[in-house]
Protein backbone atom coordinates (compact mmCIF):
# COMPACT_ATOMS: atom_id res chain seq x y z
CA MET A 1 -136.96 -121.52 19.96
CA THR A 2 -135.55 -124.11 17.57
CA CYS A 3 -138.91 -124.71 15.92
CA THR A 4 -139.55 -120.99 15.56
CA ALA A 5 -136.15 -120.52 13.93
CA PHE A 6 -136.84 -123.40 11.56
CA ILE A 7 -140.23 -121.95 10.59
CA ARG A 8 -138.67 -118.54 9.95
CA TYR A 9 -136.01 -120.19 7.79
CA CYS A 10 -138.70 -122.00 5.81
CA ILE A 11 -140.68 -118.80 5.27
CA LYS A 12 -137.56 -116.90 4.19
CA HIS A 13 -136.66 -119.63 1.68
CA ASN A 14 -140.23 -120.24 0.45
CA ILE A 15 -140.37 -123.74 1.96
CA ASN A 16 -143.72 -125.11 3.10
CA SER A 17 -143.18 -126.33 6.67
CA ILE A 18 -145.22 -129.32 7.81
CA TRP A 19 -145.65 -130.78 11.28
CA ASP A 20 -146.41 -134.48 11.63
CA CYS A 21 -146.71 -136.55 14.78
CA ASP A 22 -148.50 -139.54 16.20
CA ASN A 23 -152.09 -138.59 17.02
CA GLY A 24 -151.60 -139.74 20.61
CA ASN A 25 -148.66 -137.40 21.17
CA GLU A 26 -150.53 -134.55 22.84
CA GLU A 27 -147.35 -132.64 23.74
CA SER A 28 -146.26 -132.50 20.11
CA LYS A 29 -149.75 -131.59 18.91
CA ASN A 30 -149.97 -128.79 21.49
CA LEU A 31 -146.57 -127.43 20.46
CA ALA A 32 -147.62 -127.49 16.81
CA LYS A 33 -150.77 -125.50 17.64
CA LYS A 34 -148.72 -123.02 19.69
CA LEU A 35 -146.45 -122.51 16.67
CA GLY A 36 -149.44 -121.83 14.42
CA PHE A 37 -149.86 -125.15 12.64
CA LYS A 38 -153.39 -126.31 11.82
CA SER A 39 -154.56 -129.91 11.74
CA VAL A 40 -155.45 -130.76 8.15
CA GLU A 41 -155.39 -134.53 8.07
CA THR A 42 -155.39 -137.63 10.22
CA TYR A 43 -154.50 -141.01 8.90
CA GLN A 44 -154.16 -144.52 10.19
CA MET A 45 -150.62 -145.52 11.05
CA HIS A 46 -149.35 -149.08 11.12
CA TRP A 47 -145.99 -150.00 12.55
CA TRP A 48 -144.15 -152.94 14.00
CA HIS A 49 -141.37 -153.33 16.51
CA GLU A 50 -139.63 -156.56 17.46
CA ASN A 51 -139.65 -155.66 21.17
CA LYS A 52 -143.19 -156.28 22.48
CA ARG A 53 -142.36 -154.51 25.76
CA PHE A 54 -141.44 -151.35 23.82
CA VAL A 55 -144.78 -151.51 22.01
CA ASP A 56 -146.73 -152.05 25.24
CA ILE A 57 -145.01 -149.08 26.93
CA TYR A 58 -145.58 -146.86 23.90
CA LEU A 59 -149.26 -147.75 23.71
CA LYS A 60 -149.68 -147.14 27.44
CA ASN A 61 -147.84 -143.78 27.33
CA TYR A 62 -150.07 -142.49 24.55
CA ASN A 63 -153.31 -143.96 25.91
CA TYR A 64 -153.82 -146.49 23.13
CA THR A 65 -155.36 -149.89 23.67
CA THR A 66 -154.32 -153.15 22.07
């Protein structure tokens, strides 16, 4: 409901709404599709986190390999 309200606000105020998420985040990608967004671009993302355990859990949760 929040996303739908935001999209309606954007349309009303002539704002181009954009959805962006990590390619491994299937839940977010599915929600974006449900809301009518189309995939137009994928790009390589690089990031770093000082906590290796956090990185390992993230990669496992989103089915990435190291």
